[in-house]
Amino acid sequence: MTVTVRYTCPHCDAVTSVEREPDLADRSVTALSQPGWEYAAPGDDDLESADGIAFVCGEDGPVTDLEEEPVEGCGRPFFLNFVRYERGVELEPNPPTYGGPRFDFVE
């Protein structure tokens, strides 16, 4: 069984839809990919083995505005990040998707 899930482009607020398994856990939608994460295309059959989905706004199928009226996408990439686990521990995205920008200072 699959469900249709809608995601909003962080660049232009266009909405795109994807058919996927309902048990995949979404973490975030970001403008940048997470370092070291493997992304599937929206139509891939094996989304469960990926760390998320890489979209290109308006090029991966029709997009709408929030009221479901057809619009053109901006053509920029954005990324759906799934919740990931390593040895049973949930991994945080890098950089975190909360609390604003993260800075690492090296002395």
PDB file of N, CA and C in Angstrom:
ATOM      1  N   MET A   1       0.833  -1.171   0.000  1.00  0.00           N
ATOM      2  CA  MET A   1       0.000   0.000   0.000  1.00  0.00           C
ATOM      3  C   MET A   1       0.887   1.247   0.000  1.00  0.00           C
ATOM      4  N   THR A   2       0.528   2.226  -0.786  1.00  0.00           N
ATOM      5  CA  THR A   2       1.239   3.491  -0.804  1.00  0.00           C
ATOM      6  C   THR A   2       0.278   4.626  -0.469  1.00  0.00           C
ATOM      7  N   VAL A   3       0.867   5.761  -0.092  1.00  0.00           N
ATOM      8  CA  VAL A   3       0.095   6.962   0.194  1.00  0.00           C
ATOM      9  C   VAL A   3       0.702   8.108  -0.605  1.00  0.00           C
ATOM     10  N   THR A   4      -0.096   9.120  -0.877  1.00  0.00           N
ATOM     11  CA  THR A   4       0.401  10.322  -1.525  1.00  0.00           C
ATOM     12  C   THR A   4       0.739  11.328  -0.440  1.00  0.00           C
ATOM     13  N   VAL A   5       1.990  11.803  -0.462  1.00  0.00           N
ATOM     14  CA  VAL A   5       2.455  12.760   0.530  1.00  0.00           C
ATOM     15  C   VAL A   5       2.914  14.011  -0.209  1.00  0.00           C
ATOM     16  N   ARG A   6       2.574  15.192   0.330  1.00  0.00           N
ATOM     17  CA  ARG A   6       2.902  16.467  -0.308  1.00  0.00           C
ATOM     18  C   ARG A   6       4.026  17.154   0.449  1.00  0.00           C
ATOM     19  N   TYR A   7       4.958  17.751  -0.316  1.00  0.00           N
ATOM     20  CA  TYR A   7       6.087  18.469   0.271  1.00  0.00           C
ATOM     21  C   TYR A   7       6.195  19.846  -0.360  1.00  0.00           C
ATOM     22  N   THR A   8       6.539  20.840   0.453  1.00  0.00           N
ATOM     23  CA  THR A   8       6.645  22.217  -0.006  1.00  0.00           C
ATOM     24  C   THR A   8       8.100  22.564  -0.276  1.00  0.00           C
ATOM     25  N   CYS A   9       8.361  23.129  -1.449  1.00  0.00           N
ATOM     26  CA  CYS A   9       9.701  23.567  -1.815  1.00  0.00           C
ATOM     27  C   CYS A   9      10.123  24.698  -0.876  1.00  0.00           C
ATOM     28  N   PRO A  10      11.293  24.598  -0.237  1.00  0.00           N
ATOM     29  CA  PRO A  10      11.725  25.666   0.665  1.00  0.00           C
ATOM     30  C   PRO A  10      12.159  26.938  -0.058  1.00  0.00           C
ATOM     31  N   HIS A  11      12.298  26.870  -1.381  1.00  0.00           N
ATOM     32  CA  HIS A  11      12.729  28.038  -2.147  1.00  0.00           C
ATOM     33  C   HIS A  11      11.553  28.897  -2.609  1.00  0.00           C
ATOM     34  N   CYS A  12      10.456  28.248  -3.047  1.00  0.00           N
ATOM     35  CA  CYS A  12       9.369  29.012  -3.677  1.00  0.00           C
ATOM     36  C   CYS A  12       7.973  28.662  -3.157  1.00  0.00           C
ATOM     37  N   ASP A  13       7.872  27.748  -2.228  1.00  0.00           N
ATOM     38  CA  ASP A  13       6.597  27.322  -1.631  1.00  0.00           C
ATOM     39  C   ASP A  13       5.685  26.553  -2.583  1.00  0.00           C
ATOM     40  N   ALA A  14       6.205  26.088  -3.717  1.00  0.00           N
ATOM     41  CA  ALA A  14       5.419  25.193  -4.571  1.00  0.00           C
ATOM     42  C   ALA A  14       5.310  23.838  -3.881  1.00  0.00           C
ATOM     43  N   VAL A  15       4.224  23.138  -4.116  1.00  0.00           N
ATOM     44  CA  VAL A  15       3.965  21.862  -3.461  1.00  0.00           C
ATOM     45  C   VAL A  15       4.087  20.741  -4.495  1.00  0.00           C
ATOM     46  N   THR A  16       4.852  19.718  -4.153  1.00  0.00           N
ATOM     47  CA  THR A  16       4.993  18.546  -5.013  1.00  0.00           C
ATOM     48  C   THR A  16       4.502  17.324  -4.244  1.00  0.00           C
ATOM     49  N   SER A  17       4.051  16.309  -4.955  1.00  0.00           N
ATOM     50  CA  SER A  17       3.525  15.098  -4.329  1.00  0.00           C
ATOM     51  C   SER A  17       4.348  13.896  -4.753  1.00  0.00           C
ATOM     52  N   VAL A  18       4.402  12.897  -3.873  1.00  0.00           N
ATOM     53  CA  VAL A  18       5.101  11.652  -4.182  1.00  0.00           C
ATOM     54  C   VAL A  18       4.322  10.496  -3.566  1.00  0.00           C
ATOM     55  N   GLU A  19       4.274   9.396  -4.294  1.00  0.00           N
ATOM     56  CA  GLU A  19       3.676   8.158  -3.785  1.00  0.00           C
ATOM     57  C   GLU A  19       4.774   7.374  -3.074  1.00  0.00           C
ATOM     58  N   ARG A  20       4.504   6.939  -1.840  1.00  0.00           N
ATOM     59  CA  ARG A  20       5.509   6.194  -1.084  1.00  0.00           C
ATOM     60  C   ARG A  20       4.847   5.345  -0.022  1.00  0.00           C
ATOM     61  N   GLU A  21       5.635   4.503   0.592  1.00  0.00           N
ATOM     62  CA  GLU A  21       5.142   3.656   1.672  1.00  0.00           C
ATOM     63  C   GLU A  21       4.804   4.529   2.885  1.00  0.00           C
ATOM     64  N   PRO A  22       3.724   4.220   3.597  1.00  0.00           N
ATOM     65  CA  PRO A  22       3.325   5.068   4.725  1.00  0.00           C
ATOM     66  C   PRO A  22       4.215   4.939   5.953  1.00  0.00           C
ATOM     67  N   ASP A  23       5.052   3.900   6.028  1.00  0.00           N
ATOM     68  CA  ASP A  23       5.848   3.698   7.237  1.00  0.00           C
ATOM     69  C   ASP A  23       7.198   4.418   7.221  1.00  0.00           C
ATOM     70  N   LEU A  24       7.548   5.132   6.150  1.00  0.00           N
ATOM     71  CA  LEU A  24       8.780   5.905   6.136  1.00  0.00           C
ATOM     72  C   LEU A  24       8.610   7.137   7.027  1.00  0.00           C
ATOM     73  N   ALA A  25       9.582   7.400   7.881  1.00  0.00           N
ATOM     74  CA  ALA A  25       9.485   8.518   8.823  1.00  0.00           C
ATOM     75  C   ALA A  25      10.224   9.732   8.276  1.00  0.00           C
ATOM     76  N   ASP A  26       9.498  10.822   8.065  1.00  0.00           N
ATOM     77  CA  ASP A  26      10.103  12.067   7.585  1.00  0.00           C
ATOM     78  C   ASP A  26      10.721  12.823   8.746  1.00  0.00           C
ATOM     79  N   ARG A  27      11.900  13.397   8.501  1.00  0.00           N
ATOM     80  CA  ARG A  27      12.523  14.266   9.491  1.00  0.00           C
ATOM     81  C   ARG A  27      12.350  15.724   9.098  1.00  0.00           C
ATOM     82  N   SER A  28      12.729  16.054   7.848  1.00  0.00           N
ATOM     83  CA  SER A  28      12.710  17.457   7.443  1.00  0.00           C
ATOM     84  C   SER A  28      12.766  17.573   5.927  1.00  0.00           C
ATOM     85  N   VAL A  29      12.446  18.770   5.443  1.00  0.00           N
ATOM     86  CA  VAL A  29      12.654  19.155   4.056  1.00  0.00           C
ATOM     87  C   VAL A  29      13.648  20.308   4.095  1.00  0.00           C
ATOM     88  N   THR A  30      14.759  20.164   3.368  1.00  0.00           N
ATOM     89  CA  THR A  30      15.814  21.169   3.411  1.00  0.00           C
ATOM     90  C   THR A  30      16.219  21.604   2.010  1.00  0.00           C
ATOM     91  N   ALA A  31      16.804  22.785   1.931  1.00  0.00           N
ATOM     92  CA  ALA A  31      17.296  23.302   0.657  1.00  0.00           C
ATOM     93  C   ALA A  31      18.618  22.655   0.264  1.00  0.00           C
ATOM     94  N   LEU A  32      19.347  22.116   1.237  1.00  0.00           N
ATOM     95  CA  LEU A  32      20.638  21.477   0.986  1.00  0.00           C
ATOM     96  C   LEU A  32      20.586  20.017   1.400  1.00  0.00           C
ATOM     97  N   SER A  33      21.347  19.189   0.706  1.00  0.00           N
ATOM     98  CA  SER A  33      21.424  17.780   1.077  1.00  0.00           C
ATOM     99  C   SER A  33      22.257  17.626   2.347  1.00  0.00           C
ATOM    100  N   GLN A  34      22.025  16.543   3.058  1.00  0.00           N
ATOM    101  CA  GLN A  34      22.809  16.242   4.254  1.00  0.00           C
ATOM    102  C   GLN A  34      24.105  15.553   3.833  1.00  0.00           C
ATOM    103  N   PRO A  35      25.247  15.968   4.352  1.00  0.00           N
ATOM    104  CA  PRO A  35      26.522  15.366   3.962  1.00  0.00           C
ATOM    105  C   PRO A  35      26.539  13.863   4.233  1.00  0.00           C
ATOM    106  N   GLY A  36      26.907  13.108   3.213  1.00  0.00           N
ATOM    107  CA  GLY A  36      27.030  11.658   3.339  1.00  0.00           C
ATOM    108  C   GLY A  36      25.730  10.885   3.206  1.00  0.00           C
ATOM    109  N   TRP A  37      24.615  11.553   3.017  1.00  0.00           N
ATOM    110  CA  TRP A  37      23.340  10.861   2.896  1.00  0.00           C
ATOM    111  C   TRP A  37      23.093  10.510   1.436  1.00  0.00           C
ATOM    112  N   GLU A  38      22.453   9.385   1.212  1.00  0.00           N
ATOM    113  CA  GLU A  38      22.119   8.907  -0.133  1.00  0.00           C
ATOM    114  C   GLU A  38      20.649   9.209  -0.412  1.00  0.00           C
ATOM    115  N   TYR A  39      20.400   9.904  -1.520  1.00  0.00           N
ATOM    116  CA  TYR A  39      19.037  10.305  -1.863  1.00  0.00           C
ATOM    117  C   TYR A  39      18.542   9.547  -3.094  1.00  0.00           C
ATOM    118  N   ALA A  40      17.277   9.178  -3.053  1.00  0.00           N
ATOM    119  CA  ALA A  40      16.616   8.524  -4.181  1.00  0.00           C
ATOM    120  C   ALA A  40      15.874   9.584  -4.989  1.00  0.00           C
ATOM    121  N   ALA A  41      15.538   9.234  -6.215  1.00  0.00           N
ATOM    122  CA  ALA A  41      14.666  10.078  -7.031  1.00  0.00           C
ATOM    123  C   ALA A  41      13.225   9.800  -6.613  1.00  0.00           C
ATOM    124  N   PRO A  42      12.314  10.753  -6.814  1.00  0.00           N
ATOM    125  CA  PRO A  42      10.930  10.565  -6.364  1.00  0.00           C
ATOM    126  C   PRO A  42      10.259   9.301  -6.897  1.00  0.00           C
ATOM    127  N   GLY A  43      10.587   8.843  -8.080  1.00  0.00           N
ATOM    128  CA  GLY A  43       9.926   7.681  -8.654  1.00  0.00           C
ATOM    129  C   GLY A  43      10.619   6.356  -8.393  1.00  0.00           C
ATOM    130  N   ASP A  44      11.711   6.346  -7.641  1.00  0.00           N
ATOM    131  CA  ASP A  44      12.437   5.101  -7.379  1.00  0.00           C
ATOM    132  C   ASP A  44      11.563   4.103  -6.633  1.00  0.00           C
ATOM    133  N   ASP A  45      11.730   2.829  -6.966  1.00  0.00           N
ATOM    134  CA  ASP A  45      10.938   1.773  -6.344  1.00  0.00           C
ATOM    135  C   ASP A  45      11.394   1.436  -4.931  1.00  0.00           C
ATOM    136  N   ASP A  46      12.672   1.678  -4.612  1.00  0.00           N
ATOM    137  CA  ASP A  46      13.233   1.252  -3.336  1.00  0.00           C
ATOM    138  C   ASP A  46      13.600   2.449  -2.465  1.00  0.00           C
ATOM    139  N   LEU A  47      12.616   3.247  -2.074  1.00  0.00           N
ATOM    140  CA  LEU A  47      12.882   4.412  -1.237  1.00  0.00           C
ATOM    141  C   LEU A  47      13.340   4.018   0.163  1.00  0.00           C
ATOM    142  N   GLU A  48      12.978   2.810   0.611  1.00  0.00           N
ATOM    143  CA  GLU A  48      13.321   2.373   1.957  1.00  0.00           C
ATOM    144  C   GLU A  48      14.821   2.273   2.177  1.00  0.00           C
ATOM    145  N   SER A  49      15.598   2.032   1.135  1.00  0.00           N
ATOM    146  CA  SER A  49      17.042   1.906   1.300  1.00  0.00           C
ATOM    147  C   SER A  49      17.762   3.250   1.203  1.00  0.00           C
ATOM    148  N   ALA A  50      17.047   4.316   0.888  1.00  0.00           N
ATOM    149  CA  ALA A  50      17.643   5.650   0.776  1.00  0.00           C
ATOM    150  C   ALA A  50      17.509   6.402   2.096  1.00  0.00           C
ATOM    151  N   ASP A  51      18.292   7.469   2.224  1.00  0.00           N
ATOM    152  CA  ASP A  51      18.215   8.335   3.399  1.00  0.00           C
ATOM    153  C   ASP A  51      17.211   9.462   3.208  1.00  0.00           C
ATOM    154  N   GLY A  52      16.688   9.575   1.994  1.00  0.00           N
ATOM    155  CA  GLY A  52      15.720  10.624   1.694  1.00  0.00           C
ATOM    156  C   GLY A  52      15.441  10.669   0.205  1.00  0.00           C
ATOM    157  N   ILE A  53      14.752  11.707  -0.220  1.00  0.00           N
ATOM    158  CA  ILE A  53      14.389  11.880  -1.625  1.00  0.00           C
ATOM    159  C   ILE A  53      14.896  13.239  -2.092  1.00  0.00           C
ATOM    160  N   ALA A  54      15.540  13.265  -3.258  1.00  0.00           N
ATOM    161  CA  ALA A  54      16.007  14.518  -3.866  1.00  0.00           C
ATOM    162  C   ALA A  54      14.989  14.940  -4.920  1.00  0.00           C
ATOM    163  N   PHE A  55      14.449  16.130  -4.773  1.00  0.00           N
ATOM    164  CA  PHE A  55      13.486  16.689  -5.707  1.00  0.00           C
ATOM    165  C   PHE A  55      14.124  17.818  -6.502  1.00  0.00           C
ATOM    166  N   VAL A  56      13.623  18.065  -7.696  1.00  0.00           N
ATOM    167  CA  VAL A  56      13.906  19.284  -8.437  1.00  0.00           C
ATOM    168  C   VAL A  56      12.537  19.924  -8.663  1.00  0.00           C
ATOM    169  N   CYS A  57      12.329  21.071  -8.073  1.00  0.00           N
ATOM    170  CA  CYS A  57      11.011  21.712  -8.050  1.00  0.00           C
ATOM    171  C   CYS A  57      10.486  21.957  -9.468  1.00  0.00           C
ATOM    172  N   GLY A  58       9.360  21.331  -9.776  1.00  0.00           N
ATOM    173  CA  GLY A  58       8.714  21.496 -11.070  1.00  0.00           C
ATOM    174  C   GLY A  58       9.176  20.528 -12.134  1.00  0.00           C
ATOM    175  N   GLU A  59      10.254  19.788 -11.896  1.00  0.00           N
ATOM    176  CA  GLU A  59      10.767  18.857 -12.896  1.00  0.00           C
ATOM    177  C   GLU A  59      10.451  17.408 -12.561  1.00  0.00           C
ATOM    178  N   ASP A  60       9.976  17.144 -11.346  1.00  0.00           N
ATOM    179  CA  ASP A  60       9.666  15.774 -10.934  1.00  0.00           C
ATOM    180  C   ASP A  60       8.175  15.506 -10.955  1.00  0.00           C
ATOM    181  N   GLY A  61       7.451  16.257 -11.753  1.00  0.00           N
ATOM    182  CA  GLY A  61       6.011  16.109 -11.835  1.00  0.00           C
ATOM    183  C   GLY A  61       5.340  17.437 -11.601  1.00  0.00           C
ATOM    184  N   PRO A  62       4.023  17.475 -11.702  1.00  0.00           N
ATOM    185  CA  PRO A  62       3.298  18.731 -11.546  1.00  0.00           C
ATOM    186  C   PRO A  62       3.422  19.272 -10.120  1.00  0.00           C
ATOM    187  N   VAL A  63       3.420  20.600 -10.004  1.00  0.00           N
ATOM    188  CA  VAL A  63       3.439  21.253  -8.703  1.00  0.00           C
ATOM    189  C   VAL A  63       2.258  22.214  -8.615  1.00  0.00           C
ATOM    190  N   THR A  64       1.848  22.483  -7.389  1.00  0.00           N
ATOM    191  CA  THR A  64       0.712  23.370  -7.143  1.00  0.00           C
ATOM    192  C   THR A  64       1.108  24.390  -6.083  1.00  0.00           C
ATOM    193  N   ASP A  65       0.224  25.377  -5.895  1.00  0.00           N
ATOM    194  CA  ASP A  65       0.390  26.253  -4.744  1.00  0.00           C
ATOM    195  C   ASP A  65      -0.315  25.587  -3.560  1.00  0.00           C
ATOM    196  N   LEU A  66      -0.364  26.254  -2.428  1.00  0.00           N
ATOM    197  CA  LEU A  66      -0.963  25.658  -1.235  1.00  0.00           C
ATOM    198  C   LEU A  66      -2.454  25.415  -1.369  1.00  0.00           C
ATOM    199  N   GLU A  67      -3.112  26.113  -2.310  1.00  0.00           N
ATOM    200  CA  GLU A  67      -4.545  25.914  -2.556  1.00  0.00           C
ATOM    201  C   GLU A  67      -4.786  24.892  -3.663  1.00  0.00           C
ATOM    202  N   GLU A  68      -3.736  24.203  -4.089  1.00  0.00           N
ATOM    203  CA  GLU A  68      -3.768  23.144  -5.106  1.00  0.00           C
ATOM    204  C   GLU A  68      -4.044  23.646  -6.509  1.00  0.00           C
ATOM    205  N   GLU A  69      -3.738  24.921  -6.783  1.00  0.00           N
ATOM    206  CA  GLU A  69      -3.805  25.462  -8.140  1.00  0.00           C
ATOM    207  C   GLU A  69      -2.463  25.209  -8.822  1.00  0.00           C
ATOM    208  N   PRO A  70      -2.450  24.775 -10.090  1.00  0.00           N
ATOM    209  CA  PRO A  70      -1.182  24.493 -10.773  1.00  0.00           C
ATOM    210  C   PRO A  70      -0.296  25.744 -10.874  1.00  0.00           C
ATOM    211  N   VAL A  71       1.004  25.556 -10.615  1.00  0.00           N
ATOM    212  CA  VAL A  71       2.005  26.618 -10.748  1.00  0.00           C
ATOM    213  C   VAL A  71       3.257  26.017 -11.376  1.00  0.00           C
ATOM    214  N   GLU A  72       4.161  26.874 -11.802  1.00  0.00           N
ATOM    215  CA  GLU A  72       5.459  26.404 -12.277  1.00  0.00           C
ATOM    216  C   GLU A  72       6.400  26.343 -11.091  1.00  0.00           C
ATOM    217  N   GLY A  73       7.224  25.319 -11.045  1.00  0.00           N
ATOM    218  CA  GLY A  73       8.225  25.227  -9.997  1.00  0.00           C
ATOM    219  C   GLY A  73       9.413  26.111 -10.331  1.00  0.00           C
ATOM    220  N   CYS A  74      10.279  26.307  -9.353  1.00  0.00           N
ATOM    221  CA  CYS A  74      11.433  27.184  -9.528  1.00  0.00           C
ATOM    222  C   CYS A  74      12.636  26.479 -10.152  1.00  0.00           C
ATOM    223  N   GLY A  75      12.588  25.140 -10.274  1.00  0.00           N
ATOM    224  CA  GLY A  75      13.687  24.393 -10.886  1.00  0.00           C
ATOM    225  C   GLY A  75      14.875  24.159  -9.968  1.00  0.00           C
ATOM    226  N   ARG A  76      14.765  24.530  -8.706  1.00  0.00           N
ATOM    227  CA  ARG A  76      15.869  24.354  -7.761  1.00  0.00           C
ATOM    228  C   ARG A  76      15.711  23.046  -6.998  1.00  0.00           C
ATOM    229  N   PRO A  77      16.824  22.426  -6.594  1.00  0.00           N
ATOM    230  CA  PRO A  77      16.738  21.173  -5.839  1.00  0.00           C
ATOM    231  C   PRO A  77      16.334  21.419  -4.385  1.00  0.00           C
ATOM    232  N   PHE A  78      15.642  20.433  -3.814  1.00  0.00           N
ATOM    233  CA  PHE A  78      15.401  20.394  -2.374  1.00  0.00           C
ATOM    234  C   PHE A  78      15.314  18.938  -1.957  1.00  0.00           C
ATOM    235  N   PHE A  79      15.402  18.686  -0.659  1.00  0.00           N
ATOM    236  CA  PHE A  79      15.632  17.340  -0.164  1.00  0.00           C
ATOM    237  C   PHE A  79      14.701  16.991   0.990  1.00  0.00           C
ATOM    238  N   LEU A  80      14.065  15.828   0.871  1.00  0.00           N
ATOM    239  CA  LEU A  80      13.315  15.241   1.971  1.00  0.00           C
ATOM    240  C   LEU A  80      14.285  14.329   2.704  1.00  0.00           C
ATOM    241  N   ASN A  81      14.422  14.534   3.998  1.00  0.00           N
ATOM    242  CA  ASN A  81      15.330  13.725   4.813  1.00  0.00           C
ATOM    243  C   ASN A  81      14.510  12.805   5.705  1.00  0.00           C
ATOM    244  N   PHE A  82      14.784  11.502   5.606  1.00  0.00           N
ATOM    245  CA  PHE A  82      14.118  10.536   6.466  1.00  0.00           C
ATOM    246  C   PHE A  82      14.829  10.484   7.817  1.00  0.00           C
ATOM    247  N   VAL A  83      14.139   9.984   8.826  1.00  0.00           N
ATOM    248  CA  VAL A  83      14.772   9.694  10.103  1.00  0.00           C
ATOM    249  C   VAL A  83      15.729   8.528   9.860  1.00  0.00           C
ATOM    250  N   ARG A  84      16.963   8.663  10.353  1.00  0.00           N
ATOM    251  CA  ARG A  84      17.974   7.612  10.186  1.00  0.00           C
ATOM    252  C   ARG A  84      18.406   7.082  11.541  1.00  0.00           C
ATOM    253  N   TYR A  85      18.761   5.805  11.535  1.00  0.00           N
ATOM    254  CA  TYR A  85      19.238   5.157  12.750  1.00  0.00           C
ATOM    255  C   TYR A  85      20.564   4.475  12.465  1.00  0.00           C
ATOM    256  N   GLU A  86      21.436   4.467  13.457  1.00  0.00           N
ATOM    257  CA  GLU A  86      22.680   3.710  13.392  1.00  0.00           C
ATOM    258  C   GLU A  86      22.819   2.975  14.710  1.00  0.00           C
ATOM    259  N   ARG A  87      22.827   1.645  14.636  1.00  0.00           N
ATOM    260  CA  ARG A  87      22.895   0.796  15.831  1.00  0.00           C
ATOM    261  C   ARG A  87      21.775   1.117  16.817  1.00  0.00           C
ATOM    262  N   GLY A  88      20.602   1.394  16.270  1.00  0.00           N
ATOM    263  CA  GLY A  88      19.435   1.642  17.095  1.00  0.00           C
ATOM    264  C   GLY A  88      19.328   3.043  17.664  1.00  0.00           C
ATOM    265  N   VAL A  89      20.285   3.922  17.335  1.00  0.00           N
ATOM    266  CA  VAL A  89      20.267   5.290  17.844  1.00  0.00           C
ATOM    267  C   VAL A  89      19.920   6.225  16.689  1.00  0.00           C
ATOM    268  N   GLU A  90      18.940   7.112  16.930  1.00  0.00           N
ATOM    269  CA  GLU A  90      18.539   8.063  15.901  1.00  0.00           C
ATOM    270  C   GLU A  90      19.658   9.062  15.654  1.00  0.00           C
ATOM    271  N   LEU A  91      20.018   9.261  14.377  1.00  0.00           N
ATOM    272  CA  LEU A  91      21.066  10.199  14.008  1.00  0.00           C
ATOM    273  C   LEU A  91      20.488  11.581  13.775  1.00  0.00           C
ATOM    274  N   GLU A  92      21.193  12.597  14.223  1.00  0.00           N
ATOM    275  CA  GLU A  92      20.804  13.974  13.974  1.00  0.00           C
ATOM    276  C   GLU A  92      21.302  14.378  12.598  1.00  0.00           C
ATOM    277  N   PRO A  93      20.532  15.199  11.869  1.00  0.00           N
ATOM    278  CA  PRO A  93      21.037  15.702  10.602  1.00  0.00           C
ATOM    279  C   PRO A  93      22.210  16.643  10.845  1.00  0.00           C
ATOM    280  N   ASN A  94      23.027  16.815   9.828  1.00  0.00           N
ATOM    281  CA  ASN A  94      24.186  17.701   9.939  1.00  0.00           C
ATOM    282  C   ASN A  94      24.116  18.714   8.814  1.00  0.00           C
ATOM    283  N   PRO A  95      23.822  19.969   9.006  1.00  0.00           N
ATOM    284  CA  PRO A  95      23.600  20.600  10.309  1.00  0.00           C
ATOM    285  C   PRO A  95      22.202  20.315  10.822  1.00  0.00           C
ATOM    286  N   PRO A  96      21.967  20.492  12.106  1.00  0.00           N
ATOM    287  CA  PRO A  96      20.628  20.263  12.643  1.00  0.00           C
ATOM    288  C   PRO A  96      19.606  21.142  11.941  1.00  0.00           C
ATOM    289  N   THR A  97      18.381  20.670  11.852  1.00  0.00           N
ATOM    290  CA  THR A  97      17.333  21.409  11.153  1.00  0.00           C
ATOM    291  C   THR A  97      16.529  22.276  12.109  1.00  0.00           C
ATOM    292  N   TYR A  98      17.061  22.519  13.306  1.00  0.00           N
ATOM    293  CA  TYR A  98      16.368  23.348  14.275  1.00  0.00           C
ATOM    294  C   TYR A  98      17.356  24.344  14.871  1.00  0.00           C
ATOM    295  N   GLY A  99      16.855  25.388  15.463  1.00  0.00           N
ATOM    296  CA  GLY A  99      17.699  26.315  16.194  1.00  0.00           C
ATOM    297  C   GLY A  99      18.549  27.239  15.344  1.00  0.00           C
ATOM    298  N   GLY A 100      18.258  27.384  14.071  1.00  0.00           N
ATOM    299  CA  GLY A 100      19.024  28.301  13.235  1.00  0.00           C
ATOM    300  C   GLY A 100      20.337  27.709  12.770  1.00  0.00           C
ATOM    301  N   PRO A 101      21.211  28.540  12.223  1.00  0.00           N
ATOM    302  CA  PRO A 101      22.469  28.033  11.675  1.00  0.00           C
ATOM    303  C   PRO A 101      23.376  27.460  12.750  1.00  0.00           C
ATOM    304  N   ARG A 102      24.196  26.518  12.341  1.00  0.00           N
ATOM    305  CA  ARG A 102      25.162  25.915  13.246  1.00  0.00           C
ATOM    306  C   ARG A 102      26.548  26.294  12.759  1.00  0.00           C
ATOM    307  N   PHE A 103      27.392  26.725  13.696  1.00  0.00           N
ATOM    308  CA  PHE A 103      28.749  27.118  13.337  1.00  0.00           C
ATOM    309  C   PHE A 103      29.724  26.265  14.142  1.00  0.00           C
ATOM    310  N   ASP A 104      30.746  25.776  13.487  1.00  0.00           N
ATOM    311  CA  ASP A 104      31.815  25.058  14.143  1.00  0.00           C
ATOM    312  C   ASP A 104      33.072  25.906  14.036  1.00  0.00           C
ATOM    313  N   PHE A 105      33.665  26.216  15.174  1.00  0.00           N
ATOM    314  CA  PHE A 105      34.868  27.054  15.199  1.00  0.00           C
ATOM    315  C   PHE A 105      36.081  26.191  15.515  1.00  0.00           C
ATOM    316  N   VAL A 106      37.122  26.367  14.753  1.00  0.00           N
ATOM    317  CA  VAL A 106      38.354  25.634  14.944  1.00  0.00           C
ATOM    318  C   VAL A 106      39.405  26.612  15.451  1.00  0.00           C
ATOM    319  N   GLU A 107      40.097  26.237  16.516  1.00  0.00           N
ATOM    320  CA  GLU A 107      41.142  27.123  17.035  1.00  0.00           C
ATOM    321  C   GLU A 107      42.444  26.919  16.319  1.00  0.00           C
TER     322      GLU A 107
END
